[in-house]
Amino acid sequence: MTIRVSGTEGYGETADERVEQYESLAFADVHRDMLHLFPTQPSRVIDIGAGTGRDAAGFAEFGHRVTAVEPTPELLAHARRLHREPSITWIEDSLPELDRVHALGERYDVVMLTAVWMHLDRAQRERAMARVAPLLRSSGLMALSLRHGPVPRGRRMFEVTSTETRALAERHGLVTIHDTERPALLGGPSVWWSRLAFRAPDGIRS
């Protein structure tokens, strides 16, 4: 029996379906609320919870160097197969600790947390923010999305509010610069997303 990282339940078992679902959505459509915040010059990006690699490939296409982090082996295998861009480095690692990521000693201009935060319970979210915030360079951007609505069968999700997330990020020195909600592209009318972005202050990290 495969032992799953907490929060990834239901993803390895349905990896083939997730590929079809995630890869059907364009990077620009998923992140249209925050495209204007992403750097236009070649930058270092870390995509935590990279799934099938759609977003990592989207950033690579714009000339960025991407570290793509995924805890589910089945999804990581699909991502490596689908997206072979040399500017993407694939890592199997997981929140909240991100031990392998921290062992690299790197800092990033953009930290992506797309559709992952609501898989963590409150204690895990507290720990994860303490581990993720220091990955940002000075003036770096953290982009985070939260799913709301019925939990799909076999998944582990929690209802996490924008208010809680903003307060947690701000306790770790980040400044909220974007907070919107919109209907989901997939999942039906009962599902919607919060889109949040935070900035690390100048001179805080190098």
N, C-alpha and C. Protein backbone atom coordinates (compact mmCIF):
# COMPACT_ATOMS: atom_id res chain seq x y z
N MET A 1 0.84 -1.20 0.00
CA MET A 1 0.00 0.00 0.00
C MET A 1 0.88 1.25 0.00
N THR A 2 0.59 2.19 -0.89
CA THR A 2 1.36 3.42 -0.99
C THR A 2 0.97 4.37 0.15
N ILE A 3 1.97 4.88 0.86
CA ILE A 3 1.72 5.85 1.92
C ILE A 3 1.73 7.24 1.31
N ARG A 4 0.63 7.96 1.44
CA ARG A 4 0.49 9.28 0.82
C ARG A 4 0.90 10.39 1.77
N VAL A 5 1.51 11.42 1.22
CA VAL A 5 1.76 12.63 1.99
C VAL A 5 0.43 13.24 2.36
N SER A 6 0.31 13.69 3.59
CA SER A 6 -0.92 14.32 4.06
C SER A 6 -1.35 15.44 3.13
N GLY A 7 -2.59 15.35 2.65
CA GLY A 7 -3.13 16.36 1.75
C GLY A 7 -3.15 15.94 0.30
N THR A 8 -2.42 14.86 -0.04
CA THR A 8 -2.38 14.42 -1.44
C THR A 8 -3.33 13.26 -1.71
N GLU A 9 -4.12 12.88 -0.70
CA GLU A 9 -5.03 11.76 -0.87
C GLU A 9 -5.94 11.96 -2.08
N GLY A 10 -6.06 10.92 -2.87
CA GLY A 10 -6.96 10.95 -4.02
C GLY A 10 -6.33 11.41 -5.31
N TYR A 11 -5.10 11.92 -5.26
CA TYR A 11 -4.47 12.44 -6.48
C TYR A 11 -3.66 11.37 -7.22
N GLY A 12 -2.89 10.58 -6.50
CA GLY A 12 -2.13 9.54 -7.18
C GLY A 12 -3.03 8.51 -7.83
N GLU A 13 -4.12 8.17 -7.13
CA GLU A 13 -5.04 7.17 -7.65
C GLU A 13 -5.78 7.63 -8.89
N THR A 14 -5.88 8.92 -9.09
CA THR A 14 -6.62 9.48 -10.24
C THR A 14 -5.71 10.33 -11.12
N ALA A 15 -4.41 10.02 -11.11
CA ALA A 15 -3.44 10.87 -11.82
C ALA A 15 -3.76 11.01 -13.30
N ASP A 16 -4.18 9.94 -13.95
CA ASP A 16 -4.48 10.03 -15.38
C ASP A 16 -5.62 11.01 -15.65
N GLU A 17 -6.64 11.00 -14.78
CA GLU A 17 -7.74 11.94 -14.93
C GLU A 17 -7.28 13.37 -14.67
N ARG A 18 -6.41 13.53 -13.67
CA ARG A 18 -5.91 14.87 -13.35
C ARG A 18 -5.13 15.46 -14.51
N VAL A 19 -4.37 14.62 -15.22
CA VAL A 19 -3.64 15.11 -16.39
C VAL A 19 -4.60 15.69 -17.41
N GLU A 20 -5.62 14.94 -17.73
CA GLU A 20 -6.60 15.41 -18.73
C GLU A 20 -7.26 16.70 -18.26
N GLN A 21 -7.59 16.78 -16.97
CA GLN A 21 -8.27 17.95 -16.43
C GLN A 21 -7.36 19.17 -16.39
N TYR A 22 -6.20 19.03 -15.77
CA TYR A 22 -5.32 20.18 -15.58
C TYR A 22 -4.74 20.70 -16.89
N GLU A 23 -4.36 19.78 -17.77
CA GLU A 23 -3.73 20.19 -19.02
C GLU A 23 -4.74 20.78 -20.01
N SER A 24 -6.03 20.64 -19.70
CA SER A 24 -7.05 21.23 -20.58
C SER A 24 -7.19 22.73 -20.35
N LEU A 25 -6.61 23.23 -19.26
CA LEU A 25 -6.71 24.64 -18.92
C LEU A 25 -5.41 25.36 -19.28
N ALA A 26 -5.53 26.51 -19.89
CA ALA A 26 -4.36 27.29 -20.29
C ALA A 26 -3.83 28.07 -19.09
N PHE A 27 -2.52 28.18 -19.01
CA PHE A 27 -1.85 28.95 -17.96
C PHE A 27 -2.44 30.35 -17.86
N ALA A 28 -2.61 31.02 -18.99
CA ALA A 28 -3.09 32.40 -18.99
C ALA A 28 -4.53 32.51 -18.48
N ASP A 29 -5.34 31.49 -18.71
CA ASP A 29 -6.72 31.51 -18.23
C ASP A 29 -6.78 31.29 -16.71
N VAL A 30 -6.01 30.34 -16.22
CA VAL A 30 -6.01 30.03 -14.79
C VAL A 30 -5.54 31.22 -13.97
N HIS A 31 -4.53 31.93 -14.48
CA HIS A 31 -3.90 33.00 -13.70
C HIS A 31 -4.20 34.40 -14.24
N ARG A 32 -5.30 34.53 -14.96
CA ARG A 32 -5.56 35.81 -15.62
C ARG A 32 -5.70 36.97 -14.63
N ASP A 33 -6.13 36.69 -13.39
CA ASP A 33 -6.26 37.75 -12.39
C ASP A 33 -4.92 38.36 -12.01
N MET A 34 -3.86 37.54 -12.11
CA MET A 34 -2.57 37.98 -11.58
C MET A 34 -1.45 38.03 -12.61
N LEU A 35 -1.78 37.87 -13.87
CA LEU A 35 -0.73 37.90 -14.90
C LEU A 35 0.06 39.21 -14.85
N HIS A 36 -0.64 40.30 -14.53
CA HIS A 36 0.03 41.60 -14.51
C HIS A 36 1.06 41.72 -13.38
N LEU A 37 1.00 40.81 -12.41
CA LEU A 37 1.94 40.84 -11.29
C LEU A 37 3.21 40.03 -11.54
N PHE A 38 3.16 39.13 -12.51
CA PHE A 38 4.30 38.25 -12.76
C PHE A 38 5.42 39.04 -13.43
N PRO A 39 6.66 38.73 -13.11
CA PRO A 39 7.79 39.47 -13.71
C PRO A 39 7.88 39.24 -15.21
N THR A 40 8.28 40.26 -15.92
CA THR A 40 8.45 40.16 -17.37
C THR A 40 9.88 39.84 -17.75
N GLN A 41 10.83 40.10 -16.85
CA GLN A 41 12.22 39.76 -17.10
C GLN A 41 12.48 38.33 -16.59
N PRO A 42 13.42 37.60 -17.20
CA PRO A 42 13.74 36.25 -16.75
C PRO A 42 14.01 36.23 -15.24
N SER A 43 13.33 35.35 -14.54
CA SER A 43 13.37 35.31 -13.08
C SER A 43 13.39 33.87 -12.61
N ARG A 44 13.56 33.71 -11.31
CA ARG A 44 13.53 32.38 -10.69
C ARG A 44 12.16 32.17 -10.05
N VAL A 45 11.52 31.07 -10.43
CA VAL A 45 10.17 30.75 -9.97
C VAL A 45 10.20 29.39 -9.29
N ILE A 46 9.47 29.26 -8.19
CA ILE A 46 9.24 27.94 -7.60
C ILE A 46 7.74 27.69 -7.57
N ASP A 47 7.34 26.56 -8.13
CA ASP A 47 5.94 26.17 -8.21
C ASP A 47 5.74 25.01 -7.25
N ILE A 48 5.14 25.29 -6.09
CA ILE A 48 4.98 24.29 -5.03
C ILE A 48 3.62 23.63 -5.17
N GLY A 49 3.63 22.33 -5.40
CA GLY A 49 2.40 21.62 -5.74
C GLY A 49 2.15 21.74 -7.22
N ALA A 50 3.18 21.40 -8.01
CA ALA A 50 3.18 21.67 -9.45
C ALA A 50 2.23 20.79 -10.24
N GLY A 51 1.72 19.72 -9.64
CA GLY A 51 0.77 18.86 -10.35
C GLY A 51 1.34 18.27 -11.61
N THR A 52 0.68 18.51 -12.72
CA THR A 52 1.12 17.97 -14.01
C THR A 52 2.13 18.87 -14.72
N GLY A 53 2.50 19.97 -14.08
CA GLY A 53 3.53 20.83 -14.66
C GLY A 53 3.04 21.91 -15.60
N ARG A 54 1.74 22.08 -15.69
CA ARG A 54 1.18 23.09 -16.61
C ARG A 54 1.72 24.49 -16.31
N ASP A 55 1.70 24.88 -15.05
CA ASP A 55 2.14 26.23 -14.70
C ASP A 55 3.66 26.37 -14.83
N ALA A 56 4.38 25.34 -14.43
CA ALA A 56 5.84 25.37 -14.58
C ALA A 56 6.21 25.58 -16.04
N ALA A 57 5.52 24.89 -16.93
CA ALA A 57 5.79 25.04 -18.36
C ALA A 57 5.39 26.43 -18.84
N GLY A 58 4.31 26.98 -18.28
CA GLY A 58 3.90 28.32 -18.66
C GLY A 58 4.94 29.36 -18.30
N PHE A 59 5.51 29.26 -17.12
CA PHE A 59 6.57 30.18 -16.73
C PHE A 59 7.83 29.96 -17.57
N ALA A 60 8.15 28.71 -17.83
CA ALA A 60 9.34 28.42 -18.65
C ALA A 60 9.20 29.02 -20.05
N GLU A 61 7.99 28.99 -20.58
CA GLU A 61 7.75 29.55 -21.91
C GLU A 61 8.04 31.05 -21.95
N PHE A 62 7.89 31.71 -20.81
CA PHE A 62 8.17 33.15 -20.73
C PHE A 62 9.62 33.43 -20.36
N GLY A 63 10.45 32.41 -20.35
CA GLY A 63 11.87 32.62 -20.14
C GLY A 63 12.35 32.52 -18.71
N HIS A 64 11.48 32.06 -17.80
CA HIS A 64 11.87 31.96 -16.40
C HIS A 64 12.50 30.59 -16.10
N ARG A 65 13.35 30.54 -15.09
CA ARG A 65 13.89 29.29 -14.57
C ARG A 65 12.98 28.81 -13.46
N VAL A 66 12.52 27.57 -13.55
CA VAL A 66 11.46 27.10 -12.67
C VAL A 66 11.92 25.87 -11.88
N THR A 67 11.69 25.90 -10.58
CA THR A 67 11.79 24.72 -9.73
C THR A 67 10.38 24.24 -9.47
N ALA A 68 10.05 23.06 -9.94
CA ALA A 68 8.69 22.52 -9.84
C ALA A 68 8.67 21.42 -8.78
N VAL A 69 7.87 21.61 -7.75
CA VAL A 69 7.84 20.74 -6.58
C VAL A 69 6.50 20.02 -6.52
N GLU A 70 6.54 18.69 -6.47
CA GLU A 70 5.30 17.92 -6.44
C GLU A 70 5.47 16.71 -5.52
N PRO A 71 4.54 16.50 -4.56
CA PRO A 71 4.67 15.39 -3.63
C PRO A 71 4.10 14.05 -4.12
N THR A 72 3.28 14.08 -5.16
CA THR A 72 2.62 12.86 -5.63
C THR A 72 3.43 12.23 -6.75
N PRO A 73 4.04 11.06 -6.53
CA PRO A 73 4.93 10.48 -7.55
C PRO A 73 4.27 10.29 -8.91
N GLU A 74 2.99 9.89 -8.92
CA GLU A 74 2.32 9.65 -10.19
C GLU A 74 2.17 10.94 -11.00
N LEU A 75 1.81 12.03 -10.34
CA LEU A 75 1.70 13.31 -11.04
C LEU A 75 3.07 13.81 -11.48
N LEU A 76 4.07 13.62 -10.65
CA LEU A 76 5.41 14.06 -11.00
C LEU A 76 5.92 13.31 -12.23
N ALA A 77 5.62 12.03 -12.33
CA ALA A 77 6.03 11.25 -13.50
C ALA A 77 5.36 11.79 -14.77
N HIS A 78 4.08 12.10 -14.69
CA HIS A 78 3.39 12.68 -15.84
C HIS A 78 3.99 14.03 -16.22
N ALA A 79 4.27 14.86 -15.19
CA ALA A 79 4.81 16.20 -15.45
C ALA A 79 6.15 16.12 -16.18
N ARG A 80 7.02 15.24 -15.72
CA ARG A 80 8.33 15.09 -16.35
C ARG A 80 8.19 14.61 -17.80
N ARG A 81 7.20 13.79 -18.04
CA ARG A 81 6.98 13.27 -19.39
C ARG A 81 6.41 14.34 -20.31
N LEU A 82 5.48 15.13 -19.79
CA LEU A 82 4.77 16.10 -20.62
C LEU A 82 5.58 17.37 -20.88
N HIS A 83 6.38 17.76 -19.92
CA HIS A 83 7.06 19.06 -19.99
C HIS A 83 8.56 18.86 -19.79
N ARG A 84 9.27 18.79 -20.87
CA ARG A 84 10.70 18.46 -20.84
C ARG A 84 11.60 19.68 -21.01
N GLU A 85 11.05 20.86 -20.75
CA GLU A 85 11.83 22.08 -20.89
C GLU A 85 13.06 22.04 -19.99
N PRO A 86 14.24 22.32 -20.54
CA PRO A 86 15.47 22.27 -19.73
C PRO A 86 15.52 23.30 -18.62
N SER A 87 14.70 24.33 -18.69
CA SER A 87 14.69 25.36 -17.65
C SER A 87 13.84 24.97 -16.45
N ILE A 88 13.24 23.77 -16.45
CA ILE A 88 12.46 23.29 -15.32
C ILE A 88 13.25 22.22 -14.56
N THR A 89 13.39 22.39 -13.27
CA THR A 89 13.98 21.39 -12.39
C THR A 89 12.87 20.78 -11.55
N TRP A 90 12.75 19.45 -11.59
CA TRP A 90 11.68 18.75 -10.90
C TRP A 90 12.18 18.22 -9.56
N ILE A 91 11.38 18.40 -8.50
CA ILE A 91 11.73 17.92 -7.17
C ILE A 91 10.50 17.26 -6.54
N GLU A 92 10.70 16.09 -5.95
CA GLU A 92 9.64 15.47 -5.16
C GLU A 92 9.81 15.92 -3.72
N ASP A 93 8.90 16.74 -3.24
CA ASP A 93 8.97 17.28 -1.89
C ASP A 93 7.56 17.74 -1.51
N SER A 94 7.36 18.03 -0.23
CA SER A 94 6.00 18.32 0.22
C SER A 94 5.96 19.37 1.32
N LEU A 95 4.85 20.08 1.35
CA LEU A 95 4.53 20.97 2.47
C LEU A 95 4.11 20.11 3.66
N PRO A 96 4.28 20.59 4.89
CA PRO A 96 4.71 21.94 5.22
C PRO A 96 6.22 22.15 5.31
N GLU A 97 7.01 21.10 5.35
CA GLU A 97 8.43 21.27 5.67
C GLU A 97 9.30 21.70 4.48
N LEU A 98 9.06 21.10 3.30
CA LEU A 98 9.87 21.42 2.12
C LEU A 98 11.38 21.27 2.40
N ASP A 99 11.74 20.16 3.01
CA ASP A 99 13.14 19.95 3.40
C ASP A 99 14.08 19.93 2.20
N ARG A 100 13.69 19.25 1.13
CA ARG A 100 14.56 19.18 -0.05
C ARG A 100 14.70 20.54 -0.72
N VAL A 101 13.64 21.29 -0.73
CA VAL A 101 13.70 22.65 -1.30
C VAL A 101 14.66 23.51 -0.49
N HIS A 102 14.52 23.49 0.82
CA HIS A 102 15.39 24.33 1.65
C HIS A 102 16.84 23.89 1.57
N ALA A 103 17.07 22.61 1.34
CA ALA A 103 18.45 22.13 1.22
C ALA A 103 19.16 22.74 0.02
N LEU A 104 18.40 23.21 -0.97
CA LEU A 104 19.00 23.84 -2.15
C LEU A 104 19.60 25.20 -1.82
N GLY A 105 19.08 25.85 -0.78
CA GLY A 105 19.59 27.16 -0.39
C GLY A 105 19.26 28.27 -1.37
N GLU A 106 18.22 28.10 -2.18
CA GLU A 106 17.86 29.10 -3.20
C GLU A 106 16.77 30.04 -2.69
N ARG A 107 16.70 31.22 -3.30
CA ARG A 107 15.62 32.16 -3.07
C ARG A 107 14.99 32.51 -4.42
N TYR A 108 13.72 32.91 -4.41
CA TYR A 108 12.95 33.00 -5.65
C TYR A 108 12.25 34.35 -5.78
N ASP A 109 12.09 34.75 -7.03
CA ASP A 109 11.34 35.97 -7.34
C ASP A 109 9.84 35.73 -7.27
N VAL A 110 9.42 34.49 -7.55
CA VAL A 110 8.00 34.13 -7.52
C VAL A 110 7.85 32.78 -6.82
N VAL A 111 6.94 32.73 -5.86
CA VAL A 111 6.54 31.47 -5.23
C VAL A 111 5.08 31.23 -5.59
N MET A 112 4.80 30.12 -6.26
CA MET A 112 3.43 29.76 -6.64
C MET A 112 2.89 28.68 -5.72
N LEU A 113 1.68 28.89 -5.22
CA LEU A 113 0.97 27.91 -4.41
C LEU A 113 -0.44 27.79 -4.97
N THR A 114 -0.55 27.12 -6.10
CA THR A 114 -1.81 27.03 -6.82
C THR A 114 -2.58 25.78 -6.38
N ALA A 115 -3.74 26.00 -5.77
CA ALA A 115 -4.65 24.90 -5.42
C ALA A 115 -4.02 23.89 -4.47
N VAL A 116 -3.19 24.37 -3.53
CA VAL A 116 -2.57 23.45 -2.57
C VAL A 116 -2.86 23.83 -1.12
N TRP A 117 -3.05 25.11 -0.83
CA TRP A 117 -3.09 25.58 0.56
C TRP A 117 -4.25 24.97 1.34
N MET A 118 -5.39 24.74 0.69
CA MET A 118 -6.57 24.22 1.40
C MET A 118 -6.46 22.73 1.72
N HIS A 119 -5.38 22.07 1.26
CA HIS A 119 -5.14 20.68 1.63
C HIS A 119 -4.45 20.55 2.98
N LEU A 120 -4.01 21.67 3.56
CA LEU A 120 -3.30 21.66 4.83
C LEU A 120 -4.23 22.04 5.97
N ASP A 121 -4.09 21.34 7.10
CA ASP A 121 -4.88 21.74 8.26
C ASP A 121 -4.25 22.98 8.90
N ARG A 122 -4.88 23.51 9.94
CA ARG A 122 -4.43 24.79 10.48
C ARG A 122 -2.98 24.75 10.95
N ALA A 123 -2.61 23.71 11.69
CA ALA A 123 -1.24 23.61 12.17
C ALA A 123 -0.25 23.50 11.01
N GLN A 124 -0.63 22.76 9.98
CA GLN A 124 0.23 22.64 8.81
C GLN A 124 0.37 23.96 8.07
N ARG A 125 -0.73 24.73 8.00
CA ARG A 125 -0.66 26.03 7.33
C ARG A 125 0.27 26.98 8.08
N GLU A 126 0.20 26.94 9.40
CA GLU A 126 1.09 27.78 10.20
C GLU A 126 2.55 27.43 9.92
N ARG A 127 2.85 26.15 9.92
CA ARG A 127 4.22 25.70 9.68
C ARG A 127 4.65 25.99 8.24
N ALA A 128 3.73 25.75 7.30
CA ALA A 128 4.07 25.94 5.89
C ALA A 128 4.42 27.39 5.59
N MET A 129 3.66 28.33 6.14
CA MET A 129 3.96 29.73 5.86
C MET A 129 5.34 30.10 6.41
N ALA A 130 5.68 29.55 7.57
CA ALA A 130 7.00 29.82 8.14
C ALA A 130 8.12 29.27 7.27
N ARG A 131 7.83 28.24 6.50
CA ARG A 131 8.84 27.64 5.62
C ARG A 131 8.83 28.26 4.22
N VAL A 132 7.67 28.73 3.78
CA VAL A 132 7.56 29.26 2.41
C VAL A 132 7.99 30.71 2.33
N ALA A 133 7.57 31.54 3.29
CA ALA A 133 7.89 32.97 3.22
C ALA A 133 9.38 33.25 3.07
N PRO A 134 10.27 32.53 3.76
CA PRO A 134 11.69 32.81 3.62
C PRO A 134 12.28 32.43 2.25
N LEU A 135 11.52 31.75 1.43
CA LEU A 135 12.00 31.40 0.08
C LEU A 135 11.98 32.60 -0.86
N LEU A 136 11.29 33.66 -0.47
CA LEU A 136 11.16 34.83 -1.34
C LEU A 136 12.38 35.73 -1.27
N ARG A 137 12.80 36.21 -2.42
CA ARG A 137 13.80 37.27 -2.48
C ARG A 137 13.16 38.60 -2.09
N SER A 138 13.97 39.60 -1.86
CA SER A 138 13.47 40.95 -1.62
C SER A 138 12.53 41.36 -2.75
N SER A 139 11.37 41.86 -2.41
CA SER A 139 10.33 42.27 -3.36
C SER A 139 9.72 41.10 -4.13
N GLY A 140 10.01 39.87 -3.69
CA GLY A 140 9.46 38.71 -4.38
C GLY A 140 7.95 38.59 -4.21
N LEU A 141 7.32 37.84 -5.12
CA LEU A 141 5.87 37.68 -5.19
C LEU A 141 5.47 36.27 -4.78
N MET A 142 4.50 36.16 -3.89
CA MET A 142 3.87 34.88 -3.60
C MET A 142 2.44 34.92 -4.12
N ALA A 143 2.07 33.96 -4.97
CA ALA A 143 0.72 33.86 -5.51
C ALA A 143 0.08 32.58 -4.99
N LEU A 144 -1.12 32.71 -4.43
CA LEU A 144 -1.75 31.59 -3.74
C LEU A 144 -3.23 31.55 -4.10
N SER A 145 -3.76 30.35 -4.30
CA SER A 145 -5.19 30.22 -4.59
C SER A 145 -5.85 29.24 -3.63
N LEU A 146 -7.11 29.53 -3.29
CA LEU A 146 -7.88 28.73 -2.35
C LEU A 146 -9.17 28.27 -3.00
N ARG A 147 -9.44 26.99 -2.95
CA ARG A 147 -10.68 26.44 -3.49
C ARG A 147 -11.76 26.46 -2.43
N HIS A 148 -12.98 26.82 -2.83
CA HIS A 148 -14.14 26.81 -1.94
C HIS A 148 -15.25 25.98 -2.59
N GLY A 149 -16.01 25.29 -1.76
CA GLY A 149 -17.11 24.50 -2.29
C GLY A 149 -17.02 23.06 -1.83
N PRO A 150 -17.93 22.20 -2.34
CA PRO A 150 -17.95 20.80 -1.93
C PRO A 150 -16.61 20.11 -2.17
N VAL A 151 -16.22 19.27 -1.23
CA VAL A 151 -14.95 18.53 -1.35
C VAL A 151 -15.18 17.28 -2.18
N PRO A 152 -14.41 17.08 -3.25
CA PRO A 152 -14.58 15.87 -4.06
C PRO A 152 -14.33 14.60 -3.24
N ARG A 153 -15.01 13.55 -3.61
CA ARG A 153 -14.88 12.28 -2.90
C ARG A 153 -13.41 11.82 -2.88
N GLY A 154 -12.97 11.39 -1.73
CA GLY A 154 -11.62 10.86 -1.60
C GLY A 154 -10.54 11.90 -1.39
N ARG A 155 -10.89 13.19 -1.34
CA ARG A 155 -9.90 14.25 -1.15
C ARG A 155 -9.89 14.74 0.30
N ARG A 156 -8.79 15.37 0.66
CA ARG A 156 -8.66 15.99 1.98
C ARG A 156 -8.51 17.49 1.77
N MET A 157 -9.54 18.24 2.14
CA MET A 157 -9.53 19.69 1.99
C MET A 157 -10.18 20.34 3.19
N PHE A 158 -9.78 21.58 3.44
CA PHE A 158 -10.33 22.35 4.53
C PHE A 158 -10.83 23.69 3.97
N GLU A 159 -11.84 24.25 4.61
CA GLU A 159 -12.31 25.57 4.22
C GLU A 159 -11.37 26.60 4.83
N VAL A 160 -10.63 27.29 3.99
CA VAL A 160 -9.65 28.27 4.43
C VAL A 160 -10.05 29.63 3.86
N THR A 161 -10.11 30.63 4.69
CA THR A 161 -10.56 31.94 4.24
C THR A 161 -9.40 32.82 3.79
N SER A 162 -9.72 33.79 2.97
CA SER A 162 -8.73 34.78 2.57
C SER A 162 -8.26 35.59 3.77
N THR A 163 -9.18 35.87 4.69
CA THR A 163 -8.84 36.67 5.86
C THR A 163 -7.78 35.98 6.70
N GLU A 164 -7.97 34.68 6.95
CA GLU A 164 -6.97 33.93 7.72
C GLU A 164 -5.63 33.91 6.99
N THR A 165 -5.68 33.68 5.68
CA THR A 165 -4.44 33.55 4.90
C THR A 165 -3.68 34.86 4.85
N ARG A 166 -4.40 35.95 4.69
CA ARG A 166 -3.76 37.27 4.69
C ARG A 166 -3.08 37.54 6.03
N ALA A 167 -3.79 37.26 7.12
CA ALA A 167 -3.22 37.51 8.44
C ALA A 167 -1.98 36.67 8.68
N LEU A 168 -2.02 35.41 8.25
CA LEU A 168 -0.87 34.53 8.42
C LEU A 168 0.32 35.01 7.62
N ALA A 169 0.10 35.39 6.37
CA ALA A 169 1.19 35.89 5.53
C ALA A 169 1.77 37.18 6.11
N GLU A 170 0.90 38.05 6.59
CA GLU A 170 1.37 39.32 7.13
C GLU A 170 2.17 39.14 8.42
N ARG A 171 1.87 38.09 9.19
CA ARG A 171 2.66 37.81 10.39
C ARG A 171 4.08 37.38 10.02
N HIS A 172 4.26 36.95 8.80
CA HIS A 172 5.59 36.54 8.33
C HIS A 172 6.22 37.60 7.43
N GLY A 173 5.75 38.82 7.56
CA GLY A 173 6.40 39.94 6.91
C GLY A 173 5.98 40.21 5.48
N LEU A 174 4.94 39.53 4.99
CA LEU A 174 4.49 39.72 3.62
C LEU A 174 3.35 40.74 3.57
N VAL A 175 3.26 41.44 2.48
CA VAL A 175 2.26 42.48 2.28
C VAL A 175 1.24 42.00 1.24
N THR A 176 -0.04 42.04 1.56
CA THR A 176 -1.09 41.64 0.61
C THR A 176 -1.21 42.69 -0.48
N ILE A 177 -1.13 42.25 -1.74
CA ILE A 177 -1.27 43.19 -2.86
C ILE A 177 -2.41 42.80 -3.80
N HIS A 178 -3.04 41.64 -3.56
CA HIS A 178 -4.14 41.21 -4.45
C HIS A 178 -5.03 40.25 -3.68
N ASP A 179 -6.36 40.41 -3.81
CA ASP A 179 -7.32 39.52 -3.16
C ASP A 179 -8.62 39.59 -3.93
N THR A 180 -8.91 38.57 -4.73
CA THR A 180 -10.14 38.53 -5.52
C THR A 180 -10.77 37.14 -5.43
N GLU A 181 -12.02 37.06 -5.84
CA GLU A 181 -12.72 35.79 -5.95
C GLU A 181 -13.35 35.69 -7.32
N ARG A 182 -13.44 34.46 -7.84
CA ARG A 182 -14.15 34.25 -9.10
C ARG A 182 -14.59 32.80 -9.21
N PRO A 183 -15.58 32.53 -10.07
CA PRO A 183 -16.04 31.15 -10.25
C PRO A 183 -14.93 30.25 -10.79
N ALA A 184 -15.05 28.97 -10.49
CA ALA A 184 -14.07 28.00 -10.97
C ALA A 184 -14.23 27.76 -12.46
N LEU A 185 -13.12 27.47 -13.14
CA LEU A 185 -13.18 27.08 -14.54
C LEU A 185 -13.68 25.65 -14.69
N LEU A 186 -13.44 24.84 -13.66
CA LEU A 186 -13.93 23.46 -13.62
C LEU A 186 -14.60 23.21 -12.27
N GLY A 187 -15.53 22.27 -12.23
CA GLY A 187 -16.12 21.89 -10.95
C GLY A 187 -17.55 22.31 -10.74
N GLY A 188 -18.09 23.11 -11.64
CA GLY A 188 -19.49 23.48 -11.52
C GLY A 188 -19.72 24.77 -10.76
N PRO A 189 -20.98 25.24 -10.72
CA PRO A 189 -21.31 26.55 -10.15
C PRO A 189 -21.15 26.63 -8.63
N SER A 190 -21.03 25.49 -7.95
CA SER A 190 -20.89 25.51 -6.49
C SER A 190 -19.44 25.66 -6.04
N VAL A 191 -18.52 25.78 -6.99
CA VAL A 191 -17.09 25.88 -6.67
C VAL A 191 -16.58 27.25 -7.11
N TRP A 192 -15.82 27.89 -6.22
CA TRP A 192 -15.20 29.16 -6.60
C TRP A 192 -13.82 29.25 -5.95
N TRP A 193 -13.04 30.22 -6.41
CA TRP A 193 -11.66 30.36 -5.96
C TRP A 193 -11.37 31.75 -5.43
N SER A 194 -10.54 31.80 -4.40
CA SER A 194 -9.92 33.05 -3.97
C SER A 194 -8.51 33.09 -4.56
N ARG A 195 -8.13 34.26 -5.06
CA ARG A 195 -6.78 34.47 -5.62
C ARG A 195 -6.09 35.55 -4.81
N LEU A 196 -4.98 35.18 -4.20
CA LEU A 196 -4.26 36.09 -3.32
C LEU A 196 -2.82 36.25 -3.80
N ALA A 197 -2.28 37.43 -3.60
CA ALA A 197 -0.88 37.67 -3.91
C ALA A 197 -0.26 38.51 -2.81
N PHE A 198 0.99 38.21 -2.49
CA PHE A 198 1.71 38.88 -1.42
C PHE A 198 3.08 39.29 -1.93
N ARG A 199 3.61 40.35 -1.35
CA ARG A 199 4.92 40.85 -1.74
C ARG A 199 5.84 40.87 -0.52
N ALA A 200 7.08 40.41 -0.71
CA ALA A 200 8.09 40.54 0.33
C ALA A 200 8.65 41.96 0.27
N PRO A 201 8.76 42.63 1.39
CA PRO A 201 9.26 44.01 1.38
C PRO A 201 10.69 44.10 0.86
N ASP A 202 11.03 45.26 0.35
CA ASP A 202 12.40 45.53 -0.10
C ASP A 202 13.35 45.39 1.07
N GLY A 203 14.50 44.78 0.78
CA GLY A 203 15.57 44.73 1.77
C GLY A 203 15.41 43.70 2.84
N ILE A 204 14.33 42.89 2.75
CA ILE A 204 14.11 41.88 3.79
C ILE A 204 14.91 40.62 3.50
N ARG A 205 14.90 40.20 2.24
CA ARG A 205 15.60 38.97 1.87
C ARG A 205 16.42 39.21 0.62
N SER A 206 17.50 38.47 0.47
CA SER A 206 18.35 38.62 -0.72
C SER A 206 18.45 37.30 -1.46
